[in-house]
């Protein structure tokens, strides 16, 4: 009942009929190979003061995280990059509403929280949080260095995903100014285009069971993400991971022509979506099951 009431109060944010005033860089950054989204924020870009909009921002990102779940995964990881943490972040007012949101509408949605490079003063925040959560939830938190966090993501999410995380943390250490919101080409609440709206969720689960990690930020600061149109371009050049595989060699018959292979169901879903968005879908050859040989 409490979760339903919360969703009713925040339906404008959850339905995206209203965009919150972004209070940080908190967003869905990428997705692990097993389909688990990775949410990321850096204290350098967290502005303090507007509690209501901070909570609206967090709700929008959590909802985007749920829409980004793939492959049967039911929870997401959160990376809290403590670079830039200072006394301005010691305001405890957002903590109780945030913990209430974690306990009800997004209960059991958090898999792991990685707190990266936490300074000694960060103990004040963790002490307050730990008083509000169970022992089971406390065990989800890990205090790691930058190198340890990247190694952890490499083991749990894959090499490409770890590179995205490593690059964004390095990028955030190139300056000191606080730049919340969609600065430097960020896309909030998610860098993943397939989580753009609730109506795309069922189709995205069919055609995007594995991660579509964004490209890392360039030195100039622009962040490039892999949207649906880019994924179609990747299909043409056989770059898309997951179910789609580039076949080469005469033992695959027609697939030896260099066409990407994709399931018939996924092909139909992509054709329907490309038609609705005015995009010319690429050619491909169908595959029935992994390991089948083409005639």
Protein backbone atom coordinates (compact mmCIF):
# COMPACT_ATOMS: atom_id res chain seq x y z
CA UNK A 1 0.00 0.00 0.00
CA UNK A 2 2.79 2.43 0.86
CA UNK A 3 4.56 1.69 -2.41
CA UNK A 4 1.36 2.33 -4.40
CA UNK A 5 0.78 5.60 -2.56
CA UNK A 6 4.34 6.67 -3.23
CA UNK A 7 4.01 5.91 -6.94
CA UNK A 8 0.76 7.86 -7.10
CA UNK A 9 2.39 10.88 -5.47
CA UNK A 10 5.30 10.72 -7.89
CA UNK A 11 3.51 9.60 -11.05
CA UNK A 12 4.52 12.77 -12.90
CA UNK A 13 8.20 11.88 -12.43
CA UNK A 14 7.79 8.14 -13.03
CA UNK A 15 5.77 8.68 -16.22
CA UNK A 16 8.21 11.40 -17.32
CA UNK A 17 5.46 13.94 -17.77
CA UNK A 18 7.68 16.18 -15.64
CA UNK A 19 11.45 16.34 -15.75
CA UNK A 20 13.03 17.05 -12.38
CA UNK A 21 15.62 19.74 -11.92
CA UNK A 22 18.70 17.55 -12.10
CA UNK A 23 20.71 17.91 -8.89
CA UNK A 24 23.73 15.78 -9.80
CA UNK A 25 25.12 13.49 -12.49
CA UNK A 26 23.25 10.46 -11.03
CA UNK A 27 22.09 8.27 -13.90
CA UNK A 28 22.02 4.79 -15.40
CA UNK A 29 25.53 4.67 -16.83
CA UNK A 30 25.74 1.29 -18.54
CA UNK A 31 24.66 -2.34 -18.24
CA UNK A 32 26.64 -5.43 -17.30
CA UNK A 33 26.92 -8.46 -19.54
CA UNK A 34 24.36 -10.32 -17.43
CA UNK A 35 21.76 -7.58 -17.97
CA UNK A 36 22.21 -5.75 -14.64
CA UNK A 37 22.17 -1.94 -14.96
CA UNK A 38 24.90 0.09 -13.29
CA UNK A 39 23.86 3.42 -11.77
CA UNK A 40 26.56 6.01 -11.15
CA UNK A 41 27.00 9.32 -9.36
CA UNK A 42 30.03 11.40 -8.39
CA UNK A 43 29.99 13.72 -5.37
CA UNK A 44 31.84 16.32 -7.38
CA UNK A 45 28.63 16.99 -9.32
CA UNK A 46 26.12 16.76 -6.45
CA UNK A 47 24.59 20.13 -5.64
CA UNK A 48 23.21 20.50 -2.12
CA UNK A 49 20.09 22.33 -0.99
CA UNK A 50 16.97 21.33 -2.97
CA UNK A 51 15.78 18.23 -1.14
CA UNK A 52 12.53 17.83 -3.09
CA UNK A 53 14.19 17.90 -6.49
CA UNK A 54 16.99 15.66 -5.23
CA UNK A 55 14.44 12.99 -4.34
CA UNK A 56 12.65 13.48 -7.67
CA UNK A 57 15.97 13.05 -9.46
CA UNK A 58 16.71 9.85 -7.55
CA UNK A 59 13.24 8.47 -8.26
CA UNK A 60 13.61 9.14 -11.99
CA UNK A 61 16.96 7.31 -12.10
CA UNK A 62 15.71 4.36 -10.04
CA UNK A 63 12.73 3.98 -12.36
CA UNK A 64 15.05 4.14 -15.37
CA UNK A 65 17.16 1.48 -13.68
CA UNK A 66 14.16 -0.82 -13.38
CA UNK A 67 13.31 -0.24 -17.05
CA UNK A 68 16.89 -1.17 -17.95
CA UNK A 69 16.80 -4.64 -16.37
CA UNK A 70 17.51 -7.43 -18.86
CA UNK A 71 18.04 -11.17 -18.95
CA UNK A 72 15.84 -11.95 -15.95
CA UNK A 73 17.91 -9.78 -13.59
CA UNK A 74 15.76 -8.05 -10.96
CA UNK A 75 18.20 -5.61 -9.34
CA UNK A 76 20.90 -3.09 -10.20
CA UNK A 77 24.29 -1.96 -8.94
CA UNK A 78 25.07 1.55 -7.74
CA UNK A 79 28.49 3.20 -7.86
CA UNK A 80 28.93 6.15 -5.49
CA UNK A 81 32.11 7.93 -6.53
CA UNK A 82 33.21 9.92 -3.48
CA UNK A 83 35.56 12.17 -5.42
CA UNK A 84 34.65 15.75 -4.50
CA UNK A 85 32.90 14.86 -1.23
CA UNK A 86 32.89 17.81 1.18
CA UNK A 87 31.11 19.41 4.11
CA UNK A 88 28.32 20.64 1.81
CA UNK A 89 27.25 17.01 1.41
CA UNK A 90 26.69 16.37 5.12
CA UNK A 91 23.06 17.57 5.05
CA UNK A 92 21.05 14.60 6.45
CA UNK A 93 17.63 15.86 5.26
CA UNK A 94 17.45 13.78 2.04
CA UNK A 95 18.49 10.57 3.80
CA UNK A 96 15.22 9.57 5.49
CA UNK A 97 12.99 10.08 2.42
CA UNK A 98 15.61 8.30 0.32
CA UNK A 99 15.71 5.32 2.68
CA UNK A 100 11.90 5.20 2.66
CA UNK A 101 12.02 5.02 -1.13
CA UNK A 102 14.52 2.17 -0.91
CA UNK A 103 12.37 0.23 1.56
CA UNK A 104 9.06 0.42 -0.31
CA UNK A 105 8.75 1.15 -4.04
CA UNK A 106 12.27 -0.12 -4.82
CA UNK A 107 12.59 -2.77 -2.19
CA UNK A 108 15.23 -5.41 -3.06
CA UNK A 109 16.16 -3.57 -6.27
CA UNK A 110 19.71 -2.79 -5.13
CA UNK A 111 22.20 -5.59 -5.64
CA UNK A 112 25.47 -3.90 -4.62
CA UNK A 113 26.55 -0.38 -3.66
CA UNK A 114 30.19 0.41 -4.41
CA UNK A 115 31.50 3.42 -2.47
CA UNK A 116 34.65 4.44 -4.27
CA UNK A 117 37.45 6.42 -2.63
CA UNK A 118 35.44 7.33 0.47
CA UNK A 119 37.24 9.83 2.73
CA UNK A 120 37.14 9.62 6.51
CA UNK A 121 34.37 12.26 6.72
CA UNK A 122 32.12 9.97 4.68
CA UNK A 123 31.74 7.81 7.80
CA UNK A 124 29.16 10.35 9.03
CA UNK A 125 26.91 9.55 6.08
CA UNK A 126 27.34 5.79 6.29
CA UNK A 127 26.65 5.83 10.04
CA UNK A 128 23.30 7.55 9.48
CA UNK A 129 22.39 5.25 6.61
CA UNK A 130 23.35 2.06 8.45
CA UNK A 131 21.04 2.99 11.32
CA UNK A 132 18.11 2.92 8.90
CA UNK A 133 18.78 -0.36 7.12
CA UNK A 134 18.95 -4.03 7.99
CA UNK A 135 22.10 -6.10 8.35
CA UNK A 136 21.25 -7.84 5.08
CA UNK A 137 21.20 -4.51 3.27
CA UNK A 138 24.41 -3.36 4.95
CA UNK A 139 26.25 -6.34 3.48
CA UNK A 140 25.47 -4.99 0.00
CA UNK A 141 27.85 -2.07 0.55
CA UNK A 142 31.52 -2.25 -0.42
CA UNK A 143 34.22 0.36 0.22
CA UNK A 144 36.75 0.22 -2.60
CA UNK A 145 39.50 2.23 -4.21
CA UNK A 146 39.17 3.26 -7.86
CA UNK A 147 41.36 0.36 -8.96
CA UNK A 148 39.45 -2.13 -6.82
CA UNK A 149 36.11 -0.86 -8.14
CA UNK A 150 37.21 -1.24 -11.75
CA UNK A 151 38.50 -4.75 -11.04
CA UNK A 152 35.19 -5.64 -9.36
CA UNK A 153 33.17 -4.39 -12.35
CA UNK A 154 35.48 -6.23 -14.72
CA UNK A 155 34.75 -9.50 -12.90
CA UNK A 156 31.01 -8.97 -12.49
CA UNK A 157 30.10 -6.91 -15.53
CA UNK A 158 32.68 -7.51 -18.24
CA UNK A 159 35.72 -5.79 -19.70
CA UNK A 160 33.84 -3.27 -21.85
CA UNK A 161 31.60 -2.21 -18.98
CA UNK A 162 34.60 -1.85 -16.66
CA UNK A 163 36.25 0.40 -19.23
CA UNK A 164 33.18 2.67 -19.28
CA UNK A 165 33.29 2.97 -15.48
CA UNK A 166 37.04 3.53 -15.44
CA UNK A 167 36.84 6.24 -18.09
CA UNK A 168 34.02 8.17 -16.42
CA UNK A 169 35.80 8.16 -13.06
CA UNK A 170 39.00 9.37 -14.71
CA UNK A 171 37.06 12.05 -16.58
CA UNK A 172 35.46 13.33 -13.35
CA UNK A 173 38.92 13.76 -11.84
CA UNK A 174 40.02 16.19 -14.54
CA UNK A 175 38.43 19.20 -12.83
CA UNK A 176 36.86 20.45 -9.62
CA UNK A 177 33.80 22.47 -10.64
CA UNK A 178 30.34 21.10 -9.81
CA UNK A 179 28.37 20.51 -13.01
CA UNK A 180 25.09 18.71 -12.30
CA UNK A 181 22.57 17.73 -14.96
CA UNK A 182 23.22 17.11 -18.62
CA UNK A 183 26.62 18.76 -18.82
CA UNK A 184 29.37 17.36 -21.05
CA UNK A 185 26.83 15.49 -23.16
CA UNK A 186 25.38 13.42 -20.32
CA UNK A 187 21.92 11.94 -20.80
CA UNK A 188 19.71 11.78 -17.72
CA UNK A 189 18.15 9.76 -16.27
CA UNK A 190 19.84 7.10 -18.43
CA UNK A 191 22.62 6.75 -20.96
CA UNK A 192 20.78 3.72 -22.38
CA UNK A 193 18.31 4.65 -25.10
CA UNK A 194 16.36 1.41 -24.73
CA UNK A 195 15.22 2.60 -21.26
CA UNK A 196 13.84 5.83 -22.70
CA UNK A 197 10.22 5.04 -21.92
CA UNK A 198 8.17 2.33 -20.18
CA UNK A 199 6.51 1.40 -23.49
CA UNK A 200 9.85 0.13 -24.85
CA UNK A 201 10.53 -2.26 -21.99
CA UNK A 202 8.97 -5.51 -23.26
CA UNK A 203 10.39 -5.11 -26.76
CA UNK A 204 13.80 -4.16 -25.42
CA UNK A 205 13.88 -7.29 -23.24
CA UNK A 206 13.41 -9.38 -26.39
CA UNK A 207 15.98 -7.71 -28.61
CA UNK A 208 18.50 -6.37 -26.09
CA UNK A 209 19.22 -9.16 -23.59
CA UNK A 210 22.84 -8.10 -23.21
CA UNK A 211 24.39 -4.71 -22.45
CA UNK A 212 24.72 -1.90 -24.94
CA UNK A 213 27.44 0.07 -23.09
CA UNK A 214 27.94 3.67 -24.12
CA UNK A 215 31.23 4.90 -25.44
CA UNK A 216 33.47 6.53 -22.89
CA UNK A 217 33.75 10.33 -22.66
CA UNK A 218 36.36 11.92 -24.85
CA UNK A 219 39.02 14.31 -23.70
CA UNK A 220 36.89 17.16 -25.00
CA UNK A 221 34.11 16.15 -22.64
CA UNK A 222 31.49 14.84 -25.08
CA UNK A 223 29.83 11.56 -24.13
CA UNK A 224 28.56 9.31 -26.94
CA UNK A 225 25.88 6.74 -26.15
CA UNK A 226 24.68 3.84 -28.22
CA UNK A 227 21.06 4.43 -29.06
CA UNK A 228 18.71 2.35 -31.20
CA UNK A 229 19.81 3.90 -34.48
CA UNK A 230 23.46 3.28 -33.56
CA UNK A 231 22.60 -0.34 -32.71
CA UNK A 232 21.11 -0.81 -36.18
CA UNK A 233 24.32 0.60 -37.64
CA UNK A 234 26.24 -1.85 -35.46
CA UNK A 235 24.10 -4.67 -36.81
CA UNK A 236 25.09 -3.75 -40.34
CA UNK A 237 28.76 -3.87 -39.44
CA UNK A 238 28.34 -6.91 -37.16
CA UNK A 239 29.45 -5.08 -34.00
CA UNK A 240 26.41 -5.81 -31.83
CA UNK A 241 27.15 -8.23 -28.94
CA UNK A 242 24.81 -10.77 -27.38
CA UNK A 243 22.41 -12.75 -29.54
CA UNK A 244 23.77 -11.18 -32.73
CA UNK A 245 26.98 -12.76 -33.94
CA UNK A 246 29.01 -12.11 -37.06
CA UNK A 247 29.36 -15.33 -38.97
CA UNK A 248 32.30 -16.03 -41.22
CA UNK A 249 33.55 -19.14 -42.95
CA UNK A 250 32.02 -21.53 -45.45
CA UNK A 251 30.71 -23.92 -42.79
CA UNK A 252 27.90 -21.45 -42.03
CA UNK A 253 26.42 -21.50 -45.50
CA UNK A 254 24.50 -18.32 -46.30
CA UNK A 255 25.86 -16.70 -43.18
CA UNK A 256 29.29 -16.72 -44.79
CA UNK A 257 28.18 -13.72 -46.84
CA UNK A 258 29.00 -11.61 -43.78
CA UNK A 259 25.43 -11.01 -42.57
CA UNK A 260 24.84 -10.73 -38.83
CA UNK A 261 22.74 -13.55 -37.37
CA UNK A 262 19.71 -12.82 -35.20
CA UNK A 263 16.68 -14.80 -34.02
CA UNK A 264 13.50 -14.58 -36.10
CA UNK A 265 11.58 -13.11 -33.13
CA UNK A 266 14.20 -10.44 -32.57
CA UNK A 267 14.35 -9.70 -36.29
CA UNK A 268 10.57 -9.10 -36.39
CA UNK A 269 10.72 -6.88 -33.31
CA UNK A 270 13.56 -4.83 -34.78
CA UNK A 271 11.75 -4.47 -38.12
CA UNK A 272 8.58 -3.26 -36.40
CA UNK A 273 10.47 -0.77 -34.27
CA UNK A 274 12.67 0.47 -37.11
CA UNK A 275 9.58 1.03 -39.26
CA UNK A 276 7.89 3.03 -36.50
CA UNK A 277 10.98 5.21 -36.06
CA UNK A 278 11.66 5.69 -39.76
CA UNK A 279 14.93 3.76 -39.75
CA UNK A 280 15.98 1.35 -42.50
CA UNK A 281 16.72 -1.96 -40.82
CA UNK A 282 19.82 -3.92 -41.89
CA UNK A 283 19.87 -7.31 -43.59
CA UNK A 284 20.54 -10.36 -41.49
CA UNK A 285 20.27 -14.13 -41.53
CA UNK A 286 18.19 -15.98 -38.94
CA UNK A 287 19.52 -18.53 -36.51
CA UNK A 288 17.43 -21.07 -34.63
CA UNK A 289 19.58 -22.07 -31.69
CA UNK A 290 23.15 -21.57 -30.68
CA UNK A 291 25.34 -24.20 -32.28
CA UNK A 292 23.00 -24.92 -35.21
CA UNK A 293 24.79 -25.22 -38.54
CA UNK A 294 23.39 -23.37 -41.52
CA UNK A 295 22.29 -25.25 -44.58
